[in-house]
Amino acid sequence: MSMPVTMRALHQTSLNGPQDMRLVTDAPVPGPGRGEILIRVTAAGVNFAPSGSGGSCGRTATG
């Protein structure tokens, strides 16, 4: 199976929120470095909290 030359990617332009994420449809497919492998991803999800929002992913107990 041959690898494509381009891929789709999300580019986050700031830490202001998901409204600043842009879909790039012609990003170059990276080549694996020494000791690395390249895998094909067919589906992925993005959760805003760990995507650079700067907020805490957990809850703080009060009282």
C-alpha atoms as a PDB file:
ATOM      1  CA  MET A   1       0.000   0.000   0.000  1.00  0.00           C
ATOM      2  CA  SER A   2       1.457   3.366  -0.971  1.00  0.00           C
ATOM      3  CA  MET A   3       1.414   6.384   1.325  1.00  0.00           C
ATOM      4  CA  PRO A   4      -0.185   9.630   0.136  1.00  0.00           C
ATOM      5  CA  VAL A   5       1.943  12.760  -0.203  1.00  0.00           C
ATOM      6  CA  THR A   6      -0.525  15.006   1.679  1.00  0.00           C
ATOM      7  CA  MET A   7      -2.876  14.616   4.623  1.00  0.00           C
ATOM      8  CA  ARG A   8      -5.553  16.571   6.501  1.00  0.00           C
ATOM      9  CA  ALA A   9      -4.496  18.280   9.753  1.00  0.00           C
ATOM     10  CA  LEU A  10      -5.869  20.718  12.314  1.00  0.00           C
ATOM     11  CA  HIS A  11      -3.800  23.853  12.867  1.00  0.00           C
ATOM     12  CA  GLN A  12      -4.414  25.736  16.125  1.00  0.00           C
ATOM     13  CA  THR A  13      -3.543  29.413  15.660  1.00  0.00           C
ATOM     14  CA  SER A  14      -3.991  30.549  19.298  1.00  0.00           C
ATOM     15  CA  LEU A  15      -4.998  29.386  22.757  1.00  0.00           C
ATOM     16  CA  ASN A  16      -8.298  31.294  22.632  1.00  0.00           C
ATOM     17  CA  GLY A  17     -10.469  28.280  21.897  1.00  0.00           C
ATOM     18  CA  PRO A  18     -11.625  25.873  19.219  1.00  0.00           C
ATOM     19  CA  GLN A  19     -12.810  28.744  17.002  1.00  0.00           C
ATOM     20  CA  ASP A  20      -9.127  29.321  16.148  1.00  0.00           C
ATOM     21  CA  MET A  21      -8.594  25.817  14.760  1.00  0.00           C
ATOM     22  CA  ARG A  22      -8.264  25.594  10.986  1.00  0.00           C
ATOM     23  CA  LEU A  23      -8.487  22.520   8.796  1.00  0.00           C
ATOM     24  CA  VAL A  24      -5.489  22.120   6.496  1.00  0.00           C
ATOM     25  CA  THR A  25      -6.334  19.722   3.670  1.00  0.00           C
ATOM     26  CA  ASP A  26      -2.915  19.581   2.003  1.00  0.00           C
ATOM     27  CA  ALA A  27      -0.424  19.220   4.863  1.00  0.00           C
ATOM     28  CA  PRO A  28       2.649  17.170   3.921  1.00  0.00           C
ATOM     29  CA  VAL A  29       2.820  13.644   5.327  1.00  0.00           C
ATOM     30  CA  PRO A  30       5.820  13.527   7.691  1.00  0.00           C
ATOM     31  CA  GLY A  31       8.536  10.963   7.138  1.00  0.00           C
ATOM     32  CA  PRO A  32       9.548   8.787  10.073  1.00  0.00           C
ATOM     33  CA  GLY A  33      12.906   9.487  11.673  1.00  0.00           C
ATOM     34  CA  ARG A  34      15.466   6.949  12.777  1.00  0.00           C
ATOM     35  CA  GLY A  35      13.861   4.436  15.144  1.00  0.00           C
ATOM     36  CA  GLU A  36      10.341   5.703  14.351  1.00  0.00           C
ATOM     37  CA  ILE A  37       7.429   4.303  12.382  1.00  0.00           C
ATOM     38  CA  LEU A  38       4.667   6.044  10.448  1.00  0.00           C
ATOM     39  CA  ILE A  39       1.084   4.925  11.053  1.00  0.00           C
ATOM     40  CA  ARG A  40      -2.037   5.729   9.063  1.00  0.00           C
ATOM     41  CA  VAL A  41      -4.772   7.348  11.195  1.00  0.00           C
ATOM     42  CA  THR A  42      -8.273   6.939   9.764  1.00  0.00           C
ATOM     43  CA  ALA A  43     -10.216   8.715  12.533  1.00  0.00           C
ATOM     44  CA  ALA A  44      -9.286  11.069  15.377  1.00  0.00           C
ATOM     45  CA  GLY A  45     -11.057  13.296  17.874  1.00  0.00           C
ATOM     46  CA  VAL A  46     -10.129  16.602  19.457  1.00  0.00           C
ATOM     47  CA  ASN A  47     -11.056  17.419  23.035  1.00  0.00           C
ATOM     48  CA  PHE A  48     -10.735  21.153  23.690  1.00  0.00           C
ATOM     49  CA  ALA A  49      -9.480  20.861  27.293  1.00  0.00           C
ATOM     50  CA  PRO A  50      -6.157  19.123  26.499  1.00  0.00           C
ATOM     51  CA  SER A  51      -5.688  20.868  23.158  1.00  0.00           C
ATOM     52  CA  GLY A  52      -3.903  23.856  24.648  1.00  0.00           C
ATOM     53  CA  SER A  53      -6.685  25.705  26.454  1.00  0.00           C
ATOM     54  CA  GLY A  54      -4.435  26.242  29.459  1.00  0.00           C
ATOM     55  CA  GLY A  55      -7.197  25.153  31.807  1.00  0.00           C
ATOM     56  CA  SER A  56      -7.251  22.328  34.271  1.00  0.00           C
ATOM     57  CA  CYS A  57      -8.572  18.997  33.050  1.00  0.00           C
ATOM     58  CA  GLY A  58      -9.561  17.954  36.558  1.00  0.00           C
ATOM     59  CA  ARG A  59     -11.899  19.333  39.165  1.00  0.00           C
ATOM     60  CA  THR A  60     -10.837  21.067  42.347  1.00  0.00           C
ATOM     61  CA  ALA A  61     -12.555  20.010  45.560  1.00  0.00           C
ATOM     62  CA  THR A  62     -13.724  22.895  47.726  1.00  0.00           C
ATOM     63  CA  GLY A  63     -15.152  23.094  51.225  1.00  0.00           C
END
